[in-house]
Amino acid sequence: MKGLRWRYTRLPSQAENALSEEEGEEEEDEGDTVPAPAPAPEDPVEPQLAEASQVLGASEIRQPHPQLSLHLPPRVTGHSWSLAFCTSRNGFSLRSLYRQMEGHNGPVLLVLRDHDGQMFGAFSSSAIRLSKNFYGTGETFLFTFSPQLKVFKWTGSNSFFVKGDLDLLMIGCGSGHFGLWLDGDLYHGGSHPCATFNNEVLARQEQFCIKELEAWVLS
């Protein structure tokens, strides 16, 4: 006759029982000290364009691609984008851009495509206008999609954000160089590293010719 074999099963301890009960009641016990998992981040708000852009495509403003809208200040999140100026409709003229900006106080997104097919531009914290001095705030930044989205924010080294006269629009400055400048005919422009944004050259070359330019008012 074979001997009986005993199988030993360890009973859970009182501490283990308590832990198991706490895990089961975690959602109901308001006094539980176990930290709740962090909430999933909200999806970014997709910008609403009042009309189609001739420069920005779906890959520049919508998921799953890097979104330019993620870098805009929170105060404009959810606001519609209104096309105040575009060269295809208003012509290649800086004076015309100033005229179309009259009556607008909100921030402006300036986007352009050059003859090399490069897309880049600037976000201005206030409307583009004629000025004797530089204006704007640290919300202003430069960006480029060449070859992927790069954003150059304010470094804090100076406050040379935006300045416009009849012959030149300047965004960012330092050591005699402008981060982005556009000539009075809105056909020629240039980009140089500058202290305001510590930016790279936004286009393939430091000087370029503009194929299309748009100014969107975000308000």
C-alpha atoms as a PDB file:
ATOM      1  CA  MET A   1       0.000   0.000   0.000  1.00  0.00           C
ATOM      2  CA  LYS A   2       1.402   3.266  -1.036  1.00  0.00           C
ATOM      3  CA  GLY A   3       1.748   5.991   1.595  1.00  0.00           C
ATOM      4  CA  LEU A   4      -0.501   8.994   1.403  1.00  0.00           C
ATOM      5  CA  ARG A   5       1.041  12.118  -0.048  1.00  0.00           C
ATOM      6  CA  TRP A   6       0.210  15.432   1.530  1.00  0.00           C
ATOM      7  CA  ARG A   7       0.223  18.631  -0.450  1.00  0.00           C
ATOM      8  CA  TYR A   8       0.874  21.777   1.559  1.00  0.00           C
ATOM      9  CA  THR A   9      -0.938  24.952   0.478  1.00  0.00           C
ATOM     10  CA  ARG A  10       0.193  28.174   2.121  1.00  0.00           C
ATOM     11  CA  LEU A  11      -2.717  30.281   3.320  1.00  0.00           C
ATOM     12  CA  PRO A  12      -2.494  34.004   2.611  1.00  0.00           C
ATOM     13  CA  SER A  13      -1.396  36.056   5.543  1.00  0.00           C
ATOM     14  CA  GLN A  14      -3.551  38.744   7.131  1.00  0.00           C
ATOM     15  CA  ALA A  15      -1.433  41.465   5.491  1.00  0.00           C
ATOM     16  CA  GLU A  16      -1.842  39.885   2.060  1.00  0.00           C
ATOM     17  CA  ASN A  17      -5.593  39.590   2.594  1.00  0.00           C
ATOM     18  CA  ALA A  18      -5.757  43.251   3.530  1.00  0.00           C
ATOM     19  CA  LEU A  19      -3.725  44.266   0.471  1.00  0.00           C
ATOM     20  CA  SER A  20      -5.969  42.206  -1.782  1.00  0.00           C
ATOM     21  CA  GLU A  21      -9.074  43.806  -0.312  1.00  0.00           C
ATOM     22  CA  GLU A  22      -7.618  47.295  -0.741  1.00  0.00           C
ATOM     23  CA  GLU A  23      -6.833  46.600  -4.399  1.00  0.00           C
ATOM     24  CA  GLY A  24     -10.365  45.419  -4.954  1.00  0.00           C
ATOM     25  CA  GLU A  25     -11.877  48.418  -3.204  1.00  0.00           C
ATOM     26  CA  GLU A  26      -9.430  51.042  -4.510  1.00  0.00           C
ATOM     27  CA  GLU A  27     -11.976  52.678  -6.759  1.00  0.00           C
ATOM     28  CA  GLU A  28     -14.577  52.874  -3.984  1.00  0.00           C
ATOM     29  CA  ASP A  29     -12.376  53.909  -1.061  1.00  0.00           C
ATOM     30  CA  GLU A  30     -11.994  57.665  -1.157  1.00  0.00           C
ATOM     31  CA  GLY A  31      -9.505  57.593   1.706  1.00  0.00           C
ATOM     32  CA  ASP A  32      -7.068  55.268  -0.079  1.00  0.00           C
ATOM     33  CA  THR A  33      -3.535  56.699  -0.046  1.00  0.00           C
ATOM     34  CA  VAL A  34      -2.462  54.874  -3.201  1.00  0.00           C
ATOM     35  CA  PRO A  35      -1.984  57.594  -5.866  1.00  0.00           C
ATOM     36  CA  ALA A  36      -4.353  57.403  -8.780  1.00  0.00           C
ATOM     37  CA  PRO A  37      -2.842  56.989 -12.241  1.00  0.00           C
ATOM     38  CA  ALA A  38      -2.178  60.216 -14.091  1.00  0.00           C
ATOM     39  CA  PRO A  39      -4.921  61.134 -16.563  1.00  0.00           C
ATOM     40  CA  ALA A  40      -4.156  60.669 -20.223  1.00  0.00           C
ATOM     41  CA  PRO A  41      -3.119  63.891 -21.929  1.00  0.00           C
ATOM     42  CA  GLU A  42      -5.858  65.616 -23.855  1.00  0.00           C
ATOM     43  CA  ASP A  43      -5.679  65.605 -27.609  1.00  0.00           C
ATOM     44  CA  PRO A  44      -4.497  68.946 -28.978  1.00  0.00           C
ATOM     45  CA  VAL A  45      -7.203  71.134 -30.427  1.00  0.00           C
ATOM     46  CA  GLU A  46      -7.066  71.092 -34.187  1.00  0.00           C
ATOM     47  CA  PRO A  47      -7.040  74.632 -35.611  1.00  0.00           C
ATOM     48  CA  GLN A  48     -10.068  75.712 -37.598  1.00  0.00           C
ATOM     49  CA  LEU A  49      -9.102  77.531 -40.780  1.00  0.00           C
ATOM     50  CA  ALA A  50     -11.740  79.846 -42.208  1.00  0.00           C
ATOM     51  CA  GLU A  51     -10.530  78.937 -45.697  1.00  0.00           C
ATOM     52  CA  ALA A  52      -7.981  76.659 -47.318  1.00  0.00           C
ATOM     53  CA  SER A  53      -4.305  77.526 -47.056  1.00  0.00           C
ATOM     54  CA  GLN A  54      -2.116  77.573 -50.157  1.00  0.00           C
ATOM     55  CA  VAL A  55       0.979  77.059 -47.998  1.00  0.00           C
ATOM     56  CA  LEU A  56       0.112  74.851 -45.033  1.00  0.00           C
ATOM     57  CA  GLY A  57      -1.198  71.377 -45.751  1.00  0.00           C
ATOM     58  CA  ALA A  58      -2.741  68.712 -43.536  1.00  0.00           C
ATOM     59  CA  SER A  59       0.713  67.361 -42.662  1.00  0.00           C
ATOM     60  CA  GLU A  60       1.698  70.741 -41.167  1.00  0.00           C
ATOM     61  CA  ILE A  61      -1.366  71.483 -39.029  1.00  0.00           C
ATOM     62  CA  ARG A  62      -2.995  68.156 -38.172  1.00  0.00           C
ATOM     63  CA  GLN A  63      -2.194  64.901 -36.388  1.00  0.00           C
ATOM     64  CA  PRO A  64      -0.334  62.573 -36.504  1.00  0.00           C
ATOM     65  CA  HIS A  65       2.328  64.919 -37.827  1.00  0.00           C
ATOM     66  CA  PRO A  66       4.018  67.474 -35.565  1.00  0.00           C
ATOM     67  CA  GLN A  67       1.587  70.325 -35.212  1.00  0.00           C
ATOM     68  CA  LEU A  68       2.570  73.957 -35.369  1.00  0.00           C
ATOM     69  CA  SER A  69      -0.534  74.717 -33.291  1.00  0.00           C
ATOM     70  CA  LEU A  70       1.004  72.925 -30.284  1.00  0.00           C
ATOM     71  CA  HIS A  71       3.541  75.748 -29.990  1.00  0.00           C
ATOM     72  CA  LEU A  72       1.021  78.582 -30.028  1.00  0.00           C
ATOM     73  CA  PRO A  73       0.232  80.333 -26.714  1.00  0.00           C
ATOM     74  CA  PRO A  74      -2.756  78.915 -24.794  1.00  0.00           C
ATOM     75  CA  ARG A  75      -4.719  82.155 -25.213  1.00  0.00           C
ATOM     76  CA  VAL A  76      -5.277  81.396 -28.911  1.00  0.00           C
ATOM     77  CA  THR A  77      -6.076  77.699 -28.501  1.00  0.00           C
ATOM     78  CA  GLY A  78      -9.377  76.907 -30.139  1.00  0.00           C
ATOM     79  CA  HIS A  79      -9.579  80.236 -31.966  1.00  0.00           C
ATOM     80  CA  SER A  80     -10.336  80.193 -35.670  1.00  0.00           C
ATOM     81  CA  TRP A  81      -7.655  81.190 -38.167  1.00  0.00           C
ATOM     82  CA  SER A  82      -8.781  83.984 -40.469  1.00  0.00           C
ATOM     83  CA  LEU A  83      -6.778  84.668 -43.632  1.00  0.00           C
ATOM     84  CA  ALA A  84      -6.187  88.427 -43.576  1.00  0.00           C
ATOM     85  CA  PHE A  85      -3.618  88.526 -46.376  1.00  0.00           C
ATOM     86  CA  CYS A  86      -2.209  86.300 -49.085  1.00  0.00           C
ATOM     87  CA  THR A  87      -0.030  87.195 -52.060  1.00  0.00           C
ATOM     88  CA  SER A  88      -2.188  85.238 -54.503  1.00  0.00           C
ATOM     89  CA  ARG A  89      -5.152  87.482 -53.673  1.00  0.00           C
ATOM     90  CA  ASN A  90      -3.626  90.760 -52.451  1.00  0.00           C
ATOM     91  CA  GLY A  91      -0.418  90.903 -54.459  1.00  0.00           C
ATOM     92  CA  PHE A  92       3.266  91.065 -53.554  1.00  0.00           C
ATOM     93  CA  SER A  93       3.370  94.260 -51.529  1.00  0.00           C
ATOM     94  CA  LEU A  94       4.364  94.945 -47.933  1.00  0.00           C
ATOM     95  CA  ARG A  95       2.194  98.066 -47.943  1.00  0.00           C
ATOM     96  CA  SER A  96      -0.780  95.919 -48.922  1.00  0.00           C
ATOM     97  CA  LEU A  97      -0.008  93.610 -46.008  1.00  0.00           C
ATOM     98  CA  TYR A  98      -0.064  96.570 -43.616  1.00  0.00           C
ATOM     99  CA  ARG A  99      -3.398  97.730 -45.069  1.00  0.00           C
ATOM    100  CA  GLN A 100      -4.965  94.301 -44.623  1.00  0.00           C
ATOM    101  CA  MET A 101      -3.751  94.222 -41.026  1.00  0.00           C
ATOM    102  CA  GLU A 102      -5.568  97.462 -40.128  1.00  0.00           C
ATOM    103  CA  GLY A 103      -8.348  96.837 -37.640  1.00  0.00           C
ATOM    104  CA  HIS A 104      -6.785  93.598 -36.400  1.00  0.00           C
ATOM    105  CA  ASN A 105      -5.310  93.467 -32.908  1.00  0.00           C
ATOM    106  CA  GLY A 106      -4.870  89.749 -32.434  1.00  0.00           C
ATOM    107  CA  PRO A 107      -1.738  87.681 -32.972  1.00  0.00           C
ATOM    108  CA  VAL A 108      -0.678  86.766 -36.494  1.00  0.00           C
ATOM    109  CA  LEU A 109       0.802  83.641 -38.012  1.00  0.00           C
ATOM    110  CA  LEU A 110       2.974  84.493 -41.002  1.00  0.00           C
ATOM    111  CA  VAL A 111       3.676  81.494 -43.262  1.00  0.00           C
ATOM    112  CA  LEU A 112       5.434  81.373 -46.605  1.00  0.00           C
ATOM    113  CA  ARG A 113       6.818  79.045 -49.245  1.00  0.00           C
ATOM    114  CA  ASP A 114       9.885  80.025 -51.245  1.00  0.00           C
ATOM    115  CA  HIS A 115      10.872  79.016 -54.768  1.00  0.00           C
ATOM    116  CA  ASP A 116      12.872  76.097 -53.366  1.00  0.00           C
ATOM    117  CA  GLY A 117       9.665  74.672 -51.914  1.00  0.00           C
ATOM    118  CA  GLN A 118      10.714  75.386 -48.320  1.00  0.00           C
ATOM    119  CA  MET A 119       8.000  76.378 -45.820  1.00  0.00           C
ATOM    120  CA  PHE A 120       8.727  78.599 -42.816  1.00  0.00           C
ATOM    121  CA  GLY A 121       7.552  81.749 -41.070  1.00  0.00           C
ATOM    122  CA  ALA A 122       6.867  83.475 -37.774  1.00  0.00           C
ATOM    123  CA  PHE A 123       4.254  83.879 -35.077  1.00  0.00           C
ATOM    124  CA  SER A 124       3.795  87.483 -33.957  1.00  0.00           C
ATOM    125  CA  SER A 125       2.080  88.142 -30.622  1.00  0.00           C
ATOM    126  CA  SER A 126       0.318  91.169 -32.171  1.00  0.00           C
ATOM    127  CA  ALA A 127      -0.797  92.361 -35.589  1.00  0.00           C
ATOM    128  CA  ILE A 128       1.848  93.254 -38.175  1.00  0.00           C
ATOM    129  CA  ARG A 129       2.040  97.039 -38.501  1.00  0.00           C
ATOM    130  CA  LEU A 130       4.252  99.991 -39.311  1.00  0.00           C
ATOM    131  CA  SER A 131       6.439 100.931 -36.366  1.00  0.00           C
ATOM    132  CA  LYS A 132       9.390 103.107 -35.434  1.00  0.00           C
ATOM    133  CA  ASN A 133      10.593 100.607 -32.849  1.00  0.00           C
ATOM    134  CA  PHE A 134      10.460  96.892 -32.252  1.00  0.00           C
ATOM    135  CA  TYR A 135       7.241  95.628 -30.677  1.00  0.00           C
ATOM    136  CA  GLY A 136       5.798  92.341 -29.484  1.00  0.00           C
ATOM    137  CA  THR A 137       6.242  89.937 -26.576  1.00  0.00           C
ATOM    138  CA  GLY A 138       8.105  86.753 -25.745  1.00  0.00           C
ATOM    139  CA  GLU A 139       5.274  84.724 -27.286  1.00  0.00           C
ATOM    140  CA  THR A 140       6.733  85.590 -30.688  1.00  0.00           C
ATOM    141  CA  PHE A 141       8.731  82.820 -32.368  1.00  0.00           C
ATOM    142  CA  LEU A 142      10.190  81.630 -35.666  1.00  0.00           C
ATOM    143  CA  PHE A 143       9.645  78.221 -37.256  1.00  0.00           C
ATOM    144  CA  THR A 144      10.561  76.147 -40.274  1.00  0.00           C
ATOM    145  CA  PHE A 145       9.358  72.932 -41.881  1.00  0.00           C
ATOM    146  CA  SER A 146      12.685  72.390 -43.629  1.00  0.00           C
ATOM    147  CA  PRO A 147      12.767  69.409 -43.577  1.00  0.00           C
ATOM    148  CA  GLN A 148      10.641  68.913 -40.427  1.00  0.00           C
ATOM    149  CA  LEU A 149       9.037  71.247 -37.928  1.00  0.00           C
ATOM    150  CA  LYS A 150      11.512  73.228 -35.820  1.00  0.00           C
ATOM    151  CA  VAL A 151      10.393  76.061 -33.563  1.00  0.00           C
ATOM    152  CA  PHE A 152      12.720  78.768 -32.241  1.00  0.00           C
ATOM    153  CA  LYS A 153      11.366  80.463 -29.118  1.00  0.00           C
ATOM    154  CA  TRP A 154      12.480  83.672 -27.417  1.00  0.00           C
ATOM    155  CA  THR A 155      15.854  83.358 -25.682  1.00  0.00           C
ATOM    156  CA  GLY A 156      15.361  86.366 -23.405  1.00  0.00           C
ATOM    157  CA  SER A 157      18.579  88.001 -24.595  1.00  0.00           C
ATOM    158  CA  ASN A 158      16.791  90.988 -26.168  1.00  0.00           C
ATOM    159  CA  SER A 159      13.312  92.225 -27.076  1.00  0.00           C
ATOM    160  CA  PHE A 160      13.792  92.770 -30.816  1.00  0.00           C
ATOM    161  CA  PHE A 161      10.657  90.884 -31.838  1.00  0.00           C
ATOM    162  CA  VAL A 162       8.990  92.662 -34.788  1.00  0.00           C
ATOM    163  CA  LYS A 163       9.610  95.948 -36.582  1.00  0.00           C
ATOM    164  CA  GLY A 164       8.129  97.124 -39.847  1.00  0.00           C
ATOM    165  CA  ASP A 165       8.729 100.078 -42.129  1.00  0.00           C
ATOM    166  CA  LEU A 166       7.669 100.663 -45.725  1.00  0.00           C
ATOM    167  CA  ASP A 167      10.675  98.870 -47.173  1.00  0.00           C
ATOM    168  CA  LEU A 168      11.399  96.088 -44.709  1.00  0.00           C
ATOM    169  CA  LEU A 169       9.669  93.786 -42.222  1.00  0.00           C
ATOM    170  CA  MET A 170      12.061  92.447 -39.568  1.00  0.00           C
ATOM    171  CA  ILE A 171      11.476  89.655 -37.051  1.00  0.00           C
ATOM    172  CA  GLY A 172      14.233  88.931 -34.534  1.00  0.00           C
ATOM    173  CA  CYS A 173      17.563  90.742 -34.450  1.00  0.00           C
ATOM    174  CA  GLY A 174      21.063  90.545 -33.085  1.00  0.00           C
ATOM    175  CA  SER A 175      24.539  91.681 -34.162  1.00  0.00           C
ATOM    176  CA  GLY A 176      23.114  93.337 -37.243  1.00  0.00           C
ATOM    177  CA  HIS A 177      21.316  90.205 -38.478  1.00  0.00           C
ATOM    178  CA  PHE A 178      17.594  89.497 -38.676  1.00  0.00           C
ATOM    179  CA  GLY A 179      16.057  86.113 -37.936  1.00  0.00           C
ATOM    180  CA  LEU A 180      13.598  86.740 -40.768  1.00  0.00           C
ATOM    181  CA  TRP A 181      13.258  89.760 -43.008  1.00  0.00           C
ATOM    182  CA  LEU A 182      10.983  90.501 -45.962  1.00  0.00           C
ATOM    183  CA  ASP A 183      11.560  93.241 -48.532  1.00  0.00           C
ATOM    184  CA  GLY A 184       8.997  95.874 -49.489  1.00  0.00           C
ATOM    185  CA  ASP A 185       7.963  93.905 -52.570  1.00  0.00           C
ATOM    186  CA  LEU A 186       7.312  90.761 -50.465  1.00  0.00           C
ATOM    187  CA  TYR A 187       9.216  88.837 -53.097  1.00  0.00           C
ATOM    188  CA  HIS A 188      12.725  88.880 -51.650  1.00  0.00           C
ATOM    189  CA  GLY A 189      13.624  87.859 -48.115  1.00  0.00           C
ATOM    190  CA  GLY A 190      16.330  86.463 -45.918  1.00  0.00           C
ATOM    191  CA  SER A 191      17.032  84.584 -42.717  1.00  0.00           C
ATOM    192  CA  HIS A 192      20.060  84.643 -40.417  1.00  0.00           C
ATOM    193  CA  PRO A 193      20.794  83.295 -36.937  1.00  0.00           C
ATOM    194  CA  CYS A 194      19.928  85.991 -34.394  1.00  0.00           C
ATOM    195  CA  ALA A 195      20.161  86.453 -30.641  1.00  0.00           C
ATOM    196  CA  THR A 196      16.417  86.965 -30.151  1.00  0.00           C
ATOM    197  CA  PHE A 197      15.546  83.371 -31.052  1.00  0.00           C
ATOM    198  CA  ASN A 198      18.908  81.615 -31.460  1.00  0.00           C
ATOM    199  CA  ASN A 199      17.467  80.280 -34.698  1.00  0.00           C
ATOM    200  CA  GLU A 200      18.947  78.441 -37.610  1.00  0.00           C
ATOM    201  CA  VAL A 201      18.625  79.768 -41.151  1.00  0.00           C
ATOM    202  CA  LEU A 202      14.968  79.030 -41.875  1.00  0.00           C
ATOM    203  CA  ALA A 203      15.386  78.389 -45.600  1.00  0.00           C
ATOM    204  CA  ARG A 204      17.995  76.452 -47.563  1.00  0.00           C
ATOM    205  CA  GLN A 205      19.880  79.666 -48.214  1.00  0.00           C
ATOM    206  CA  GLU A 206      20.214  82.919 -46.299  1.00  0.00           C
ATOM    207  CA  GLN A 207      18.408  84.799 -49.074  1.00  0.00           C
ATOM    208  CA  PHE A 208      15.370  83.509 -50.917  1.00  0.00           C
ATOM    209  CA  CYS A 209      12.522  84.463 -53.254  1.00  0.00           C
ATOM    210  CA  ILE A 210       8.949  84.094 -52.021  1.00  0.00           C
ATOM    211  CA  LYS A 211       6.452  82.055 -54.029  1.00  0.00           C
ATOM    212  CA  GLU A 212       3.480  82.381 -51.669  1.00  0.00           C
ATOM    213  CA  LEU A 213       2.910  84.231 -48.401  1.00  0.00           C
ATOM    214  CA  GLU A 214      -0.075  84.210 -46.044  1.00  0.00           C
ATOM    215  CA  ALA A 215      -0.925  86.120 -42.860  1.00  0.00           C
ATOM    216  CA  TRP A 216      -3.450  84.415 -40.583  1.00  0.00           C
ATOM    217  CA  VAL A 217      -5.111  86.316 -37.748  1.00  0.00           C
ATOM    218  CA  LEU A 218      -5.730  84.071 -34.732  1.00  0.00           C
ATOM    219  CA  SER A 219      -8.638  85.657 -32.900  1.00  0.00           C
END
